[in-house]
Amino acid sequence: MCLHQRVAAPLDAVESIITDIPNAARTLSGVNAVEMLTEGPYRPGTRWRETRRMFGMDATAEMAARTSGSCSRRRPHRSADWERGWPR
């Protein structure tokens, strides 16, 4: 699965928000809570539990960063496919 959305903002600003996992509940709609499972900055191996409101119900999933780097690679930093080892 690949999602794209054009944003009228500098790449560094967008990447800064997307990789700020501890504050995702404030910056991403639908995210209610985040529990960090690793310490330190966003990098390969960063793990967290994220609770989202979907279809009127709360759902919690464990997420992991498999790679890091510039958003210009056109890879989502957060998705269900991410945990399954995406990018393929």
N, C-alpha and C. Protein backbone atom coordinates (compact mmCIF):
# COMPACT_ATOMS: atom_id res chain seq x y z
N MET A 1 0.85 -1.16 0.00
CA MET A 1 0.00 0.00 0.00
C MET A 1 0.90 1.23 0.00
N CYS A 2 0.53 2.20 -0.78
CA CYS A 2 1.30 3.42 -0.86
C CYS A 2 0.33 4.60 -0.89
N LEU A 3 0.51 5.53 0.02
CA LEU A 3 -0.34 6.71 0.08
C LEU A 3 0.49 7.94 -0.22
N HIS A 4 -0.07 8.84 -1.00
CA HIS A 4 0.62 10.08 -1.35
C HIS A 4 -0.31 11.25 -1.11
N GLN A 5 0.24 12.33 -0.61
CA GLN A 5 -0.50 13.57 -0.49
C GLN A 5 0.47 14.72 -0.64
N ARG A 6 0.15 15.65 -1.50
CA ARG A 6 1.00 16.82 -1.68
C ARG A 6 0.71 17.81 -0.56
N VAL A 7 1.78 18.37 0.00
CA VAL A 7 1.67 19.32 1.09
C VAL A 7 2.50 20.54 0.74
N ALA A 8 1.91 21.70 0.93
CA ALA A 8 2.62 22.95 0.63
C ALA A 8 3.49 23.33 1.82
N ALA A 9 4.55 22.56 2.03
CA ALA A 9 5.48 22.80 3.13
C ALA A 9 6.84 22.25 2.74
N PRO A 10 7.91 22.79 3.33
CA PRO A 10 9.24 22.27 3.04
C PRO A 10 9.37 20.80 3.48
N LEU A 11 10.12 20.02 2.73
CA LEU A 11 10.32 18.61 3.01
C LEU A 11 10.83 18.39 4.43
N ASP A 12 11.78 19.19 4.88
CA ASP A 12 12.33 19.03 6.23
C ASP A 12 11.25 19.21 7.30
N ALA A 13 10.34 20.15 7.10
CA ALA A 13 9.27 20.39 8.07
C ALA A 13 8.32 19.20 8.13
N VAL A 14 7.95 18.67 6.97
CA VAL A 14 7.05 17.52 6.92
C VAL A 14 7.71 16.30 7.56
N GLU A 15 8.95 16.03 7.20
CA GLU A 15 9.67 14.89 7.76
C GLU A 15 9.81 15.02 9.28
N SER A 16 10.03 16.23 9.75
CA SER A 16 10.17 16.48 11.18
C SER A 16 8.89 16.09 11.93
N ILE A 17 7.75 16.41 11.38
CA ILE A 17 6.47 16.08 12.02
C ILE A 17 6.19 14.58 11.93
N ILE A 18 6.42 13.98 10.78
CA ILE A 18 6.12 12.56 10.58
C ILE A 18 6.98 11.68 11.47
N THR A 19 8.22 12.07 11.71
CA THR A 19 9.12 11.24 12.51
C THR A 19 9.10 11.60 14.00
N ASP A 20 8.28 12.57 14.40
CA ASP A 20 8.14 12.93 15.81
C ASP A 20 7.07 12.04 16.44
N ILE A 21 7.40 10.78 16.59
CA ILE A 21 6.44 9.77 17.06
C ILE A 21 5.88 10.10 18.45
N PRO A 22 6.69 10.52 19.42
CA PRO A 22 6.12 10.79 20.75
C PRO A 22 5.00 11.83 20.75
N ASN A 23 4.98 12.74 19.78
CA ASN A 23 3.95 13.77 19.71
C ASN A 23 2.89 13.50 18.65
N ALA A 24 2.82 12.28 18.14
CA ALA A 24 1.88 11.95 17.07
C ALA A 24 0.43 12.18 17.47
N ALA A 25 0.10 12.01 18.75
CA ALA A 25 -1.29 12.21 19.19
C ALA A 25 -1.70 13.68 19.05
N ARG A 26 -0.73 14.59 19.04
CA ARG A 26 -1.04 16.01 18.86
C ARG A 26 -1.03 16.43 17.40
N THR A 27 -0.27 15.72 16.57
CA THR A 27 -0.08 16.18 15.19
C THR A 27 -0.81 15.36 14.13
N LEU A 28 -1.23 14.14 14.45
CA LEU A 28 -1.89 13.28 13.46
C LEU A 28 -3.32 13.00 13.89
N SER A 29 -4.26 13.33 13.03
CA SER A 29 -5.66 13.09 13.36
C SER A 29 -5.90 11.59 13.51
N GLY A 30 -6.71 11.24 14.46
CA GLY A 30 -7.05 9.84 14.69
C GLY A 30 -6.14 9.14 15.67
N VAL A 31 -4.94 9.67 15.91
CA VAL A 31 -4.03 9.05 16.87
C VAL A 31 -4.39 9.57 18.26
N ASN A 32 -4.76 8.66 19.16
CA ASN A 32 -5.15 9.04 20.52
C ASN A 32 -4.01 8.97 21.51
N ALA A 33 -3.11 8.00 21.34
CA ALA A 33 -2.03 7.80 22.31
C ALA A 33 -0.86 7.09 21.65
N VAL A 34 0.33 7.38 22.18
CA VAL A 34 1.56 6.73 21.71
C VAL A 34 2.36 6.32 22.94
N GLU A 35 2.83 5.08 22.93
CA GLU A 35 3.73 4.59 23.97
C GLU A 35 5.03 4.20 23.29
N MET A 36 6.11 4.90 23.59
CA MET A 36 7.40 4.57 22.99
C MET A 36 7.94 3.30 23.64
N LEU A 37 8.46 2.39 22.81
CA LEU A 37 9.03 1.13 23.29
C LEU A 37 10.55 1.15 23.22
N THR A 38 11.10 2.13 22.50
CA THR A 38 12.55 2.32 22.45
C THR A 38 12.84 3.78 22.78
N GLU A 39 14.07 4.05 23.20
CA GLU A 39 14.48 5.41 23.53
C GLU A 39 15.27 6.01 22.37
N GLY A 40 15.39 7.34 22.41
CA GLY A 40 16.22 8.03 21.44
C GLY A 40 15.44 8.55 20.25
N PRO A 41 16.16 9.12 19.27
CA PRO A 41 15.51 9.70 18.09
C PRO A 41 14.98 8.63 17.14
N TYR A 42 14.13 9.06 16.21
CA TYR A 42 13.59 8.18 15.18
C TYR A 42 14.73 7.65 14.32
N ARG A 43 14.78 6.33 14.18
CA ARG A 43 15.83 5.67 13.39
C ARG A 43 15.38 4.24 13.11
N PRO A 44 16.06 3.52 12.23
CA PRO A 44 15.69 2.11 12.04
C PRO A 44 15.71 1.40 13.39
N GLY A 45 14.66 0.64 13.67
CA GLY A 45 14.56 -0.07 14.94
C GLY A 45 13.69 0.64 15.97
N THR A 46 13.35 1.91 15.73
CA THR A 46 12.46 2.61 16.65
C THR A 46 11.13 1.87 16.70
N ARG A 47 10.63 1.61 17.92
CA ARG A 47 9.37 0.88 18.09
C ARG A 47 8.44 1.66 19.01
N TRP A 48 7.13 1.57 18.73
CA TRP A 48 6.13 2.24 19.55
C TRP A 48 4.79 1.55 19.40
N ARG A 49 3.92 1.77 20.40
CA ARG A 49 2.53 1.34 20.33
C ARG A 49 1.68 2.57 20.07
N GLU A 50 0.80 2.45 19.12
CA GLU A 50 -0.03 3.58 18.72
C GLU A 50 -1.49 3.19 18.82
N THR A 51 -2.29 4.02 19.48
CA THR A 51 -3.73 3.79 19.57
C THR A 51 -4.43 4.82 18.70
N ARG A 52 -5.25 4.32 17.78
CA ARG A 52 -5.99 5.17 16.84
C ARG A 52 -7.47 4.90 16.97
N ARG A 53 -8.25 5.89 16.60
CA ARG A 53 -9.70 5.74 16.51
C ARG A 53 -10.02 5.43 15.06
N MET A 54 -10.55 4.22 14.81
CA MET A 54 -10.89 3.81 13.44
C MET A 54 -12.28 3.21 13.44
N PHE A 55 -13.13 3.68 12.55
CA PHE A 55 -14.48 3.16 12.42
C PHE A 55 -15.22 3.21 13.76
N GLY A 56 -14.96 4.27 14.54
CA GLY A 56 -15.63 4.46 15.81
C GLY A 56 -15.11 3.63 16.96
N MET A 57 -14.01 2.90 16.75
CA MET A 57 -13.44 2.05 17.81
C MET A 57 -11.96 2.33 17.94
N ASP A 58 -11.43 2.18 19.16
CA ASP A 58 -9.99 2.32 19.37
C ASP A 58 -9.29 1.02 18.99
N ALA A 59 -8.15 1.16 18.32
CA ALA A 59 -7.33 0.01 17.96
C ALA A 59 -5.88 0.35 18.25
N THR A 60 -5.17 -0.57 18.87
CA THR A 60 -3.77 -0.37 19.22
C THR A 60 -2.91 -1.32 18.40
N ALA A 61 -1.82 -0.81 17.85
CA ALA A 61 -0.91 -1.63 17.07
C ALA A 61 0.52 -1.27 17.43
N GLU A 62 1.38 -2.27 17.40
CA GLU A 62 2.80 -2.01 17.60
C GLU A 62 3.42 -1.69 16.25
N MET A 63 4.17 -0.61 16.21
CA MET A 63 4.77 -0.13 14.96
C MET A 63 6.29 -0.17 15.10
N ALA A 64 6.98 -0.25 13.97
CA ALA A 64 8.44 -0.25 13.97
C ALA A 64 8.95 0.43 12.71
N ALA A 65 10.00 1.22 12.87
CA ALA A 65 10.66 1.84 11.73
C ALA A 65 11.67 0.86 11.16
N ARG A 66 11.54 0.54 9.91
CA ARG A 66 12.46 -0.40 9.25
C ARG A 66 13.60 0.32 8.54
N THR A 67 13.35 1.57 8.18
CA THR A 67 14.37 2.37 7.52
C THR A 67 14.11 3.81 7.88
N SER A 68 15.06 4.66 7.62
CA SER A 68 14.84 6.08 7.85
C SER A 68 15.52 6.82 6.71
N GLY A 69 15.31 8.10 6.68
CA GLY A 69 15.90 8.89 5.62
C GLY A 69 14.89 9.86 5.08
N SER A 70 15.23 10.46 3.99
CA SER A 70 14.43 11.52 3.43
C SER A 70 13.08 11.04 2.93
N CYS A 71 12.07 11.86 3.16
CA CYS A 71 10.74 11.58 2.62
C CYS A 71 10.75 11.63 1.10
N SER A 72 11.76 12.23 0.52
CA SER A 72 11.81 12.33 -0.93
C SER A 72 11.91 10.96 -1.58
N ARG A 73 12.19 9.91 -0.79
CA ARG A 73 12.21 8.55 -1.32
C ARG A 73 10.80 8.06 -1.59
N ARG A 74 9.79 8.87 -1.23
CA ARG A 74 8.39 8.56 -1.47
C ARG A 74 7.95 7.28 -0.77
N ARG A 75 8.45 7.07 0.43
CA ARG A 75 8.06 5.92 1.23
C ARG A 75 7.32 6.43 2.46
N PRO A 76 6.16 5.88 2.80
CA PRO A 76 5.49 6.32 4.02
C PRO A 76 6.29 5.90 5.23
N HIS A 77 6.34 6.74 6.24
CA HIS A 77 7.07 6.41 7.46
C HIS A 77 6.20 5.67 8.44
N ARG A 78 4.91 5.64 8.22
CA ARG A 78 4.01 5.01 9.17
C ARG A 78 2.86 4.36 8.41
N SER A 79 2.79 3.06 8.45
CA SER A 79 1.67 2.36 7.82
C SER A 79 1.64 0.93 8.31
N ALA A 80 0.56 0.25 8.08
CA ALA A 80 0.47 -1.15 8.45
C ALA A 80 1.51 -1.96 7.70
N ASP A 81 1.78 -1.60 6.44
CA ASP A 81 2.78 -2.32 5.66
C ASP A 81 4.17 -2.14 6.24
N TRP A 82 4.39 -1.02 6.92
CA TRP A 82 5.71 -0.74 7.50
C TRP A 82 6.10 -1.87 8.46
N GLU A 83 5.17 -2.29 9.30
CA GLU A 83 5.47 -3.33 10.29
C GLU A 83 5.73 -4.67 9.62
N ARG A 84 5.14 -4.90 8.45
CA ARG A 84 5.33 -6.17 7.74
C ARG A 84 6.63 -6.18 6.92
N GLY A 85 7.46 -5.17 7.06
CA GLY A 85 8.74 -5.19 6.39
C GLY A 85 8.81 -4.36 5.13
N TRP A 86 7.85 -3.48 4.92
CA TRP A 86 7.88 -2.61 3.76
C TRP A 86 9.00 -1.61 3.93
N PRO A 87 9.75 -1.13 3.01
CA PRO A 87 9.57 -1.35 1.58
C PRO A 87 10.08 -2.72 1.13
N ARG A 88 9.45 -3.22 0.12
CA ARG A 88 9.84 -4.53 -0.41
C ARG A 88 10.75 -4.37 -1.60
